[in-house]
Protein backbone atom coordinates (compact mmCIF):
# COMPACT_ATOMS: atom_id res chain seq x y z
CA UNK A 1 -12.14 8.87 -26.03
CA UNK A 2 -11.56 5.49 -27.67
CA UNK A 3 -7.89 6.37 -28.21
CA UNK A 4 -7.46 7.21 -24.50
CA UNK A 5 -9.03 3.85 -23.58
CA UNK A 6 -6.72 1.99 -25.98
CA UNK A 7 -3.66 3.79 -24.59
CA UNK A 8 -4.75 2.95 -21.03
CA UNK A 9 -5.20 -0.73 -21.96
CA UNK A 10 -1.74 -0.81 -23.58
CA UNK A 11 -0.22 0.85 -20.52
CA UNK A 12 -1.83 -1.73 -18.22
CA UNK A 13 -0.56 -4.62 -20.36
CA UNK A 14 2.97 -3.21 -20.48
CA UNK A 15 3.28 -2.52 -16.75
CA UNK A 16 1.73 -5.91 -15.91
CA UNK A 17 4.58 -7.49 -17.90
CA UNK A 18 7.10 -5.24 -16.15
CA UNK A 19 5.68 -6.39 -12.79
CA UNK A 20 6.16 -10.05 -13.71
CA UNK A 21 9.59 -9.42 -15.25
CA UNK A 22 11.82 -6.57 -14.07
CA UNK A 23 9.96 -6.03 -10.78
CA UNK A 24 9.73 -9.72 -9.82
CA UNK A 25 11.16 -10.23 -6.35
CA UNK A 26 11.73 -6.51 -5.70
CA UNK A 27 10.76 -5.79 -2.05
CA UNK A 28 8.74 -2.63 -2.81
CA UNK A 29 5.81 -4.59 -4.31
CA UNK A 30 2.47 -4.35 -2.49
CA UNK A 31 0.94 -7.75 -3.27
CA UNK A 32 -2.57 -6.47 -2.48
CA UNK A 33 -2.45 -4.29 -5.62
CA UNK A 34 -2.40 -4.86 -9.36
CA UNK A 35 -1.71 -2.67 -12.39
CA UNK A 36 -4.67 -0.49 -13.37
CA UNK A 37 -5.07 2.67 -15.45
CA UNK A 38 -7.59 5.12 -13.97
CA UNK A 39 -9.44 8.01 -15.59
CA UNK A 40 -7.51 8.33 -18.85
CA UNK A 41 -8.89 11.10 -21.04
CA UNK A 42 -7.70 13.55 -23.67
CA UNK A 43 -5.92 16.58 -22.21
CA UNK A 44 -4.46 19.24 -24.47
CA UNK A 45 -2.39 17.26 -27.01
CA UNK A 46 -2.01 14.12 -24.88
CA UNK A 47 -3.85 11.49 -22.85
CA UNK A 48 -3.84 12.03 -19.08
CA UNK A 49 -4.63 9.59 -16.31
CA UNK A 50 -3.33 7.82 -13.22
CA UNK A 51 -1.44 4.54 -13.38
CA UNK A 52 -1.62 2.33 -10.30
CA UNK A 53 1.02 -0.38 -9.99
CA UNK A 54 2.01 -2.44 -6.94
CA UNK A 55 5.14 -0.25 -6.63
CA UNK A 56 3.99 3.27 -7.62
CA UNK A 57 1.07 5.55 -8.46
CA UNK A 58 1.87 8.15 -11.11
CA UNK A 59 0.07 10.74 -13.15
CA UNK A 60 0.79 9.70 -16.72
CA UNK A 61 0.79 11.68 -19.94
CA UNK A 62 0.85 9.75 -23.21
CA UNK A 63 1.11 11.32 -26.66
CA UNK A 64 -2.08 11.43 -28.68
CA UNK A 65 -2.21 9.69 -32.03
CA UNK A 66 0.23 11.23 -34.49
CA UNK A 67 2.31 12.98 -31.81
CA UNK A 68 5.33 10.81 -30.97
CA UNK A 69 7.27 13.24 -28.74
CA UNK A 70 10.47 12.21 -30.56
CA UNK A 71 12.11 15.49 -29.53
CA UNK A 72 12.08 14.47 -25.84
CA UNK A 73 14.90 12.77 -23.96
CA UNK A 74 14.58 10.24 -21.15
CA UNK A 75 15.04 11.78 -17.71
CA UNK A 76 14.27 15.32 -18.83
CA UNK A 77 11.83 17.19 -16.59
CA UNK A 78 8.84 19.05 -18.01
CA UNK A 79 6.40 21.20 -16.03
CA UNK A 80 2.72 21.16 -17.03
CA UNK A 81 0.17 23.65 -15.77
CA UNK A 82 -3.15 22.15 -14.68
CA UNK A 83 -6.09 24.04 -13.18
CA UNK A 84 -4.80 23.15 -9.68
CA UNK A 85 -1.27 24.36 -10.43
CA UNK A 86 2.07 23.36 -11.98
CA UNK A 87 3.31 19.76 -11.81
CA UNK A 88 6.71 18.41 -12.80
CA UNK A 89 6.81 15.32 -15.02
CA UNK A 90 9.80 13.18 -15.96
CA UNK A 91 10.17 11.73 -19.45
CA UNK A 92 10.26 7.94 -19.69
CA UNK A 93 10.47 5.51 -22.59
CA UNK A 94 9.38 1.93 -23.13
CA UNK A 95 9.81 0.23 -26.50
CA UNK A 96 6.16 -0.90 -26.63
CA UNK A 97 4.59 2.52 -26.08
CA UNK A 98 7.37 4.98 -26.87
CA UNK A 99 7.81 8.16 -24.84
CA UNK A 100 5.58 8.99 -21.89
CA UNK A 101 5.64 11.52 -19.07
CA UNK A 102 5.17 10.60 -15.41
CA UNK A 103 4.60 12.56 -12.21
CA UNK A 104 5.10 10.53 -9.04
CA UNK A 105 2.22 10.56 -6.57
CA UNK A 106 3.00 7.59 -4.29
CA UNK A 107 5.97 5.25 -4.09
CA UNK A 108 6.13 2.70 -2.61
CA UNK A 109 2.47 1.71 -2.28
CA UNK A 110 2.36 0.12 1.17
CA UNK A 111 -0.02 2.83 2.45
CA UNK A 112 -2.82 1.17 0.46
CA UNK A 113 -4.58 -1.76 2.10
CA UNK A 114 -6.22 -2.90 -1.13
CA UNK A 115 -6.93 -2.04 -4.76
CA UNK A 116 -10.17 -0.26 -3.87
CA UNK A 117 -8.30 2.24 -1.66
CA UNK A 118 -5.77 2.90 -4.43
CA UNK A 119 -8.57 3.46 -6.97
CA UNK A 120 -10.33 5.92 -4.66
CA UNK A 121 -7.05 7.83 -4.24
CA UNK A 122 -6.44 7.87 -8.01
CA UNK A 123 -9.95 9.13 -8.77
CA UNK A 124 -9.64 11.81 -6.08
CA UNK A 125 -6.30 12.90 -7.52
CA UNK A 126 -7.73 13.21 -11.05
CA UNK A 127 -10.67 15.28 -9.76
CA UNK A 128 -8.40 17.47 -7.61
CA UNK A 129 -5.95 18.01 -10.45
CA UNK A 130 -8.63 19.66 -12.55
CA UNK A 131 -10.10 21.75 -9.71
CA UNK A 132 -8.81 25.34 -9.81
CA UNK A 133 -9.92 25.80 -6.18
CA UNK A 134 -7.03 23.54 -5.14
CA UNK A 135 -4.44 26.00 -6.51
CA UNK A 136 -4.59 28.46 -3.61
CA UNK A 137 -4.60 25.68 -1.01
CA UNK A 138 -1.58 24.13 -2.70
CA UNK A 139 0.30 27.44 -2.69
CA UNK A 140 -0.57 28.08 0.98
CA UNK A 141 0.47 24.58 2.03
CA UNK A 142 3.78 24.90 0.18
CA UNK A 143 4.59 28.16 1.98
CA UNK A 144 3.65 26.68 5.36
CA UNK A 145 5.77 23.57 4.76
CA UNK A 146 8.77 25.67 3.70
CA UNK A 147 8.37 27.96 6.71
CA UNK A 148 8.29 25.03 9.13
CA UNK A 149 11.11 23.19 7.34
CA UNK A 150 13.45 26.15 7.80
CA UNK A 151 12.23 26.79 11.37
CA UNK A 152 10.89 30.23 10.51
CA UNK A 153 8.09 32.02 12.30
CA UNK A 154 5.28 33.99 10.67
CA UNK A 155 7.21 37.19 11.58
CA UNK A 156 10.21 35.90 9.60
CA UNK A 157 7.90 35.30 6.63
CA UNK A 158 6.55 38.86 6.81
CA UNK A 159 10.14 40.22 6.87
CA UNK A 160 11.02 38.03 3.87
CA UNK A 161 7.96 39.32 1.99
CA UNK A 162 9.06 42.94 2.47
CA UNK A 163 12.61 42.03 1.39
CA UNK A 164 11.18 40.36 -1.73
CA UNK A 165 9.28 43.52 -2.59
CA UNK A 166 12.51 45.52 -2.31
CA UNK A 167 14.33 42.98 -4.48
CA UNK A 168 11.58 43.20 -7.10
CA UNK A 169 12.08 46.98 -7.27
CA UNK A 170 15.85 46.55 -7.65
CA UNK A 171 15.39 43.93 -10.37
CA UNK A 172 13.44 46.48 -12.42
CA UNK A 173 16.41 48.88 -12.47
CA UNK A 174 18.67 48.69 -15.55
CA UNK A 175 21.79 46.62 -15.01
CA UNK A 176 25.06 48.32 -15.91
CA UNK A 177 28.06 46.43 -17.16
CA UNK A 178 30.05 47.60 -14.12
CA UNK A 179 27.36 46.34 -11.72
CA UNK A 180 27.34 42.96 -13.46
CA UNK A 181 31.14 42.57 -13.41
CA UNK A 182 31.51 43.69 -9.79
CA UNK A 183 28.52 41.72 -8.54
CA UNK A 184 26.88 44.93 -7.39
CA UNK A 185 23.53 44.15 -9.00
CA UNK A 186 21.72 43.04 -5.84
CA UNK A 187 22.58 46.00 -3.65
CA UNK A 188 20.59 49.17 -3.14
CA UNK A 189 21.90 52.00 -5.32
């Protein structure tokens, strides 16, 4: 746990310097907030927590001691499976801490009136991330959002479900070379 606390302290120091340097004068800064690392703890082979800054709130993964993640490249996306479901992280790099992985939660941060509200949100996110009961709700909300986005009704969704079942059956059939070359692999035989 000491390592996670040290990593969190280093992350806070680094992003505080970034705030005063690179982010100085940028209009997305919420001046009611400051940099703070919340809930960092060991998770699998990394340290996991939430980083609050005046311009974003991200889930952060940092390599544990001895694991430098040198095989990663900046900008690459990596999906991690948590009890509540899969989350996509983007690889970042800062000279002082090396490689890290981030998953955006909020940006910009103007929805937060003060630091206390941001901390409550970060703590709630960490608790929810590790709660397997959130997985089904997440899946249901995603389907509902997609359905509404495309202007579909529940009847359309039921039709799509039956079409998916048919497609699954077809995907289990062996693919012939002729079907591949003629594009005939998605049609009923």
